[in-house]
Protein backbone atom coordinates (compact mmCIF):
# COMPACT_ATOMS: atom_id res chain seq x y z
CA MET A 1 -16.20 -36.05 159.09
CA GLY A 2 -16.63 -34.21 155.53
CA SER A 3 -18.26 -30.67 155.00
CA LYS A 4 -21.62 -32.04 154.79
CA GLU A 5 -21.31 -32.69 158.15
CA CYS A 6 -19.80 -28.91 159.02
CA ALA A 7 -22.59 -27.59 157.16
CA VAL A 8 -24.94 -28.99 159.40
CA CYS A 9 -23.76 -26.44 162.23
CA HIS A 10 -22.71 -23.88 159.63
CA GLU A 11 -25.38 -22.98 157.26
CA ASP A 12 -26.46 -20.66 159.86
CA THR A 13 -23.42 -19.01 160.80
CA HIS A 14 -21.36 -19.29 157.54
CA GLY A 15 -24.02 -19.71 155.12
CA GLU A 16 -22.57 -17.53 152.38
CA LEU A 17 -19.00 -18.71 152.72
CA LEU A 18 -20.31 -22.30 152.07
CA LYS A 19 -22.20 -21.18 148.92
CA ALA A 20 -19.25 -19.22 147.45
CA HIS A 21 -16.84 -22.33 148.70
CA ALA A 22 -19.05 -24.16 146.18
CA LYS A 23 -17.97 -22.56 143.26
CA THR A 24 -14.17 -22.48 143.85
CA MET A 25 -12.13 -24.75 142.17
CA HIS A 26 -10.91 -26.31 145.36
CA TYR A 27 -14.50 -27.32 145.48
CA SER A 28 -14.41 -29.08 142.24
CA ALA A 29 -10.82 -30.12 142.07
CA MET A 30 -11.79 -34.03 141.78
CA SER A 31 -15.30 -35.13 140.70
CA ASP A 32 -16.58 -38.91 140.00
CA VAL A 33 -18.14 -38.97 136.93
CA THR A 34 -20.75 -41.26 138.16
CA GLN A 35 -22.24 -38.74 140.38
CA LYS A 36 -21.57 -35.84 138.41
CA PRO A 37 -21.18 -36.48 134.38
CA GLN A 38 -21.18 -32.99 133.60
CA ALA A 39 -18.04 -32.34 135.20
CA ILE A 40 -16.33 -33.40 132.08
CA VAL A 41 -15.59 -30.44 129.66
CA ALA A 42 -13.76 -32.04 127.09
CA LYS A 43 -15.12 -32.90 123.23
CA PHE A 44 -14.99 -36.22 121.99
CA ASP A 45 -14.97 -37.85 118.58
CA ALA A 46 -13.40 -40.81 116.56
CA ASN A 47 -9.93 -39.36 116.76
CA SER A 48 -9.76 -38.33 120.53
CA PRO A 49 -6.68 -39.98 122.34
CA ILE A 50 -8.63 -41.10 125.18
CA LYS A 51 -12.35 -42.34 125.07
CA LYS A 52 -14.98 -40.92 127.45
CA ALA A 53 -16.43 -44.41 128.58
CA ASP A 54 -12.50 -44.56 130.46
CA ILE A 55 -13.10 -41.96 132.65
CA ARG A 56 -13.83 -42.32 136.20
CA TYR A 57 -12.47 -39.57 137.70
CA VAL A 58 -11.98 -35.81 136.67
CA LEU A 59 -9.19 -33.53 137.79
CA GLY A 60 -9.96 -30.05 137.84
CA MET A 61 -13.35 -27.90 137.10
CA GLY A 62 -12.18 -26.97 133.60
CA LYS A 63 -11.45 -23.32 133.78
CA VAL A 64 -7.84 -23.68 132.26
CA TYR A 65 -7.73 -28.04 131.82
CA GLN A 66 -8.55 -31.04 132.67
CA ASN A 67 -7.02 -34.34 133.72
CA TYR A 68 -8.77 -37.51 133.79
CA LEU A 69 -8.37 -40.54 135.93
CA ASP A 70 -9.63 -44.26 135.18
CA LYS A 71 -11.19 -46.30 137.91
CA ASN A 72 -7.98 -47.30 139.32
CA LEU A 73 -6.72 -43.79 139.73
CA LYS A 74 -4.54 -43.85 136.71
CA VAL A 75 -4.00 -40.78 134.69
CA LEU A 76 -5.15 -41.17 131.28
CA PRO A 77 -2.62 -40.23 128.56
CA ALA A 78 -4.03 -36.95 127.50
CA LYS A 79 -5.56 -33.71 128.93
CA TRP A 80 -7.82 -31.10 127.47
CA LEU A 81 -7.09 -27.40 127.35
CA VAL A 82 -10.10 -25.54 127.75
CA LYS A 83 -9.19 -22.28 125.90
CA GLU A 84 -7.46 -23.83 123.17
CA GLN A 85 -10.23 -26.48 122.76
CA LYS A 86 -8.05 -29.16 122.06
CA TRP A 87 -6.34 -32.46 123.43
CA VAL A 88 -2.53 -32.75 124.34
CA LYS A 89 -0.43 -35.74 125.56
CA GLU A 90 -0.14 -35.99 129.20
CA GLU A 91 2.24 -38.52 130.88
CA PRO A 92 -0.18 -41.51 132.24
CA VAL A 93 1.34 -41.35 135.71
CA ASP A 94 -0.45 -43.23 139.15
CA GLY A 95 -2.80 -40.42 140.32
CA ALA A 96 -2.85 -42.37 143.91
CA THR A 97 0.94 -41.51 144.60
CA GLN A 98 1.29 -38.06 142.28
CA CYS A 99 -2.27 -36.36 142.06
CA VAL A 100 -5.13 -37.23 144.41
CA GLY A 101 -3.72 -36.30 147.60
CA CYS A 102 -4.23 -32.62 146.63
CA HIS A 103 -7.38 -33.25 144.94
CA ALA A 104 -9.51 -34.84 147.77
CA THR A 105 -10.00 -34.61 151.33
CA ASN A 106 -8.24 -36.80 153.98
CA PHE A 107 -6.81 -39.59 151.08
CA ASP A 108 -5.01 -42.48 152.10
CA PRO A 109 -2.58 -43.43 149.50
CA VAL A 110 -2.46 -47.04 150.53
CA LYS A 111 -5.97 -48.00 150.75
CA LYS A 112 -6.97 -45.39 147.92
CA LYS A 113 -9.75 -43.97 149.96
CA TRP A 114 -10.95 -40.44 151.33
CA THR A 115 -13.51 -38.67 153.05
CA GLU A 116 -14.65 -36.58 150.25
CA LEU A 117 -13.24 -35.79 146.82
CA GLY A 118 -12.40 -31.90 146.29
CA VAL A 119 -10.69 -29.65 148.97
CA ASN A 120 -13.09 -29.02 151.75
CA CYS A 121 -13.22 -27.62 155.43
CA GLU A 122 -10.82 -30.47 156.74
CA ALA A 123 -8.39 -29.99 154.19
CA CYS A 124 -7.18 -26.62 155.72
CA HIS A 125 -9.26 -26.64 159.14
CA GLY A 126 -8.00 -30.11 160.01
CA PRO A 127 -10.42 -32.98 161.30
CA GLY A 128 -13.65 -31.83 162.60
CA GLY A 129 -14.55 -34.66 165.19
CA ALA A 130 -13.40 -33.18 168.40
CA HIS A 131 -15.07 -29.84 167.57
CA ALA A 132 -18.27 -31.50 166.47
CA ASP A 133 -18.47 -33.36 169.77
CA SER A 134 -17.51 -30.22 172.02
CA MET A 135 -19.04 -27.29 170.12
CA ASP A 136 -15.86 -25.51 171.16
CA ALA A 137 -13.98 -23.48 168.75
CA ALA A 138 -10.51 -24.37 169.98
CA ASP A 139 -11.00 -27.72 168.89
CA ILE A 140 -10.87 -26.63 165.17
CA VAL A 141 -8.09 -24.96 163.46
CA ASP A 142 -8.70 -21.43 163.15
CA LEU A 143 -6.46 -20.35 160.38
CA ASP A 144 -6.98 -16.35 161.40
CA LYS A 145 -5.21 -17.55 164.58
CA LEU A 146 -1.92 -19.22 163.13
CA ASP A 147 1.14 -17.10 162.71
CA SER A 148 1.80 -16.81 158.99
CA LYS A 149 4.23 -19.45 158.53
CA LYS A 150 1.68 -21.88 159.73
CA SER A 151 -1.05 -20.17 158.19
CA ASN A 152 1.15 -20.69 154.78
CA MET A 153 1.76 -23.93 155.27
CA VAL A 154 -1.68 -25.10 155.12
CA CYS A 155 -1.66 -23.73 151.50
CA GLY A 156 1.54 -25.29 151.09
CA GLN A 157 0.91 -28.90 151.33
CA CYS A 158 -0.56 -28.84 147.94
CA HIS A 159 0.99 -25.36 146.38
CA SER A 160 4.18 -26.70 146.21
CA GLN A 161 6.63 -28.88 144.63
CA GLY A 162 8.01 -31.63 146.79
CA THR A 163 7.30 -35.22 148.01
CA ASP A 164 6.52 -36.47 151.08
CA LEU A 165 9.65 -37.80 153.37
CA GLU A 166 10.18 -40.76 152.17
CA GLY A 167 10.56 -39.41 148.54
CA LYS A 168 7.07 -41.80 147.05
CA LEU A 169 4.42 -39.48 147.07
CA ALA A 170 4.30 -35.90 145.61
CA PHE A 171 2.13 -34.58 148.52
CA ALA A 172 2.50 -34.67 152.33
CA VAL A 173 0.92 -37.73 154.39
CA ASN A 174 -0.53 -37.42 158.12
CA TYR A 175 0.05 -33.63 157.89
CA TYR A 176 -2.80 -31.53 159.78
CA PRO A 177 -3.15 -27.81 159.18
CA GLY A 178 -1.59 -25.96 162.19
CA GLU A 179 1.56 -28.67 162.43
CA ASP A 180 4.92 -27.84 160.75
CA LEU A 181 4.76 -28.94 157.12
CA SER A 182 8.63 -29.48 157.07
CA ARG A 183 8.06 -32.41 159.53
CA PHE A 184 5.69 -34.06 156.72
CA MET A 185 7.18 -32.92 153.18
CA LYS A 186 10.51 -32.36 151.56
CA LEU A 187 10.23 -29.12 149.20
CA LYS A 188 12.05 -29.04 145.91
CA SER A 189 15.07 -26.62 145.65
CA ASN A 190 15.80 -23.60 143.28
CA VAL A 191 12.23 -23.81 141.98
CA VAL A 192 11.72 -20.58 139.68
CA GLY A 193 8.22 -21.00 138.58
CA GLY A 194 5.54 -23.20 137.20
CA LEU A 195 2.90 -25.73 138.24
CA ASN A 196 2.53 -25.90 141.97
CA SER A 197 5.49 -23.78 142.53
CA GLN A 198 3.41 -21.08 144.67
CA TYR A 199 4.93 -22.06 148.11
CA ASN A 200 8.47 -23.12 146.99
CA THR A 201 8.90 -19.34 145.41
CA PHE A 202 6.80 -17.55 148.32
CA ILE A 203 8.53 -18.83 151.44
CA ASP A 204 12.18 -16.76 150.58
CA SER A 205 10.18 -13.70 149.20
CA LYS A 206 10.08 -10.48 151.08
CA HIS A 207 6.69 -10.98 151.25
CA ALA A 208 6.73 -13.76 153.41
CA GLU A 209 9.53 -12.25 155.64
CA GLY A 210 7.36 -9.51 155.93
CA GLY A 211 4.84 -11.87 157.68
CA MET A 212 2.11 -11.72 154.59
CA LYS A 213 -0.06 -14.65 154.35
CA CYS A 214 -1.81 -16.32 151.21
CA VAL A 215 -4.92 -15.32 152.71
CA SER A 216 -3.71 -11.74 152.42
CA CYS A 217 -4.32 -11.97 148.78
CA HIS A 218 -6.23 -15.06 148.10
CA ASP A 219 -10.06 -15.65 149.55
CA THR A 220 -9.99 -19.14 150.48
CA HIS A 221 -14.06 -18.82 150.58
CA GLY A 222 -16.13 -15.91 150.54
CA ASP A 223 -17.70 -13.18 148.10
CA LYS A 224 -14.43 -13.00 146.03
CA SER A 225 -13.41 -16.82 145.84
CA LYS A 226 -15.28 -17.40 142.96
CA ASP A 227 -12.93 -14.72 141.01
CA VAL A 228 -9.70 -15.41 138.87
CA HIS A 229 -7.39 -16.96 141.23
CA GLN A 230 -9.77 -16.24 144.23
CA LEU A 231 -7.79 -12.77 144.54
CA LYS A 232 -9.45 -10.33 147.12
CA LYS A 233 -9.19 -7.52 144.25
CA PRO A 234 -8.27 -7.36 140.56
CA ILE A 235 -4.53 -7.62 140.55
CA ASN A 236 -3.07 -4.18 140.10
CA ALA A 237 -5.56 -2.69 142.84
CA LEU A 238 -4.49 -5.72 145.23
CA CYS A 239 -0.56 -4.62 144.70
CA LEU A 240 -1.26 -0.90 144.67
CA GLY A 241 -3.03 -1.38 148.25
CA CYS A 242 0.51 -1.66 149.44
CA HIS A 243 3.04 -0.16 146.45
CA THR A 244 1.00 2.98 146.11
CA ASN A 245 4.72 4.63 146.71
CA GLN A 246 6.27 2.67 143.90
CA LEU A 247 4.01 4.23 141.40
CA GLY A 248 3.62 7.57 142.81
CA ASN A 249 -0.41 7.41 143.35
CA THR A 250 -3.42 4.84 143.27
CA LYS A 251 -4.73 5.29 139.86
CA ALA A 252 -3.49 1.79 138.60
CA ILE A 253 -3.35 2.25 134.77
CA LYS A 254 -2.08 5.50 134.74
CA SER A 255 0.56 4.67 137.53
CA LEU A 256 1.40 1.38 135.50
CA LYS A 257 2.10 2.94 132.20
CA GLU A 258 4.32 5.53 133.77
CA HIS A 259 6.23 2.80 135.99
CA ALA A 260 6.44 0.64 133.14
CA PRO A 261 6.02 2.91 129.86
CA ASN A 262 7.16 -0.35 127.47
CA ALA A 263 4.75 -2.91 129.06
CA ALA A 264 1.98 -4.24 126.64
CA ALA A 265 -1.51 -2.62 126.89
CA ASP A 266 -3.33 -5.41 128.81
CA ALA A 267 -0.13 -5.92 131.42
CA THR A 268 -0.52 -6.00 135.08
CA CYS A 269 1.97 -6.14 138.13
CA ALA A 270 1.99 -9.83 137.82
CA SER A 271 3.24 -9.90 134.25
CA CYS A 272 6.53 -8.64 135.20
CA HIS A 273 6.86 -9.19 138.88
CA MET A 274 5.55 -12.83 138.68
CA PRO A 275 6.73 -14.54 135.68
CA GLY A 276 5.85 -18.22 135.18
CA GLY A 277 3.25 -17.90 138.01
CA SER A 278 6.57 -17.18 140.80
CA HIS A 279 5.56 -16.18 143.63
CA ALA A 280 8.97 -14.60 144.95
CA PHE A 281 7.81 -11.33 143.45
CA LYS A 282 11.33 -10.29 142.51
CA LYS A 283 12.17 -6.65 141.47
CA LEU A 284 13.39 -6.45 137.77
CA GLU A 285 16.62 -5.39 137.14
CA ALA A 286 16.87 -2.39 135.17
CA LYS A 287 18.13 -2.93 131.78
């Protein structure tokens, strides 16, 4: 259906959530420059490795970096690093098989068609047609009602390293939220961190074993969804919500200094316990 159809009814009931979602990296995961030319944040000159005129689609809102696709969904051979304000080489892969499935809602890699660009309502709540017809809450996926494993699989469909079962696509196909992701996707093993490693490293962690959900820490939409990593609280405060016993008290800065006296001044819990973005949250061995 698309998120605009969802908003017809839910602007009254979830208006603030809709406004907050529009500020997230999910919402701007992919843009068509013919409709949104301002989506491009890169700077171009005579020495730029790609031409602005060749860009048809933008991947990412440009907080960290942006990749660019041509009209045929081919990744152009350079990406823009936002903080460094420079170009770096990028492998010119087929975006239709490697990228778009996690940047658009309801993407068909054969027809190269989607319901809408960006990660929107139905990417996480499933198809909305039956719900719109019946107006019954049972006809749409409510992540709060899913057990932790099924809830985390909704995030894992994109925040993971792996392929479809045939090994041709870098994302699951025909998976609907609420189903068992393992029936649609083969995860890469022995992942320790890096891009899209969150689900691979999280599922074997003590956090996952204890029933934590991705949404225990991350706000998918709401008043915190526009913040860094869409965290519900700053990193140290978030961790100390459960781990105060390890640090002795709830004052994050003083406790962290006592807990890790040799850590950098700007270090957080994640600096040591989430190397490379790993969500395994492993306890460090004493040296």
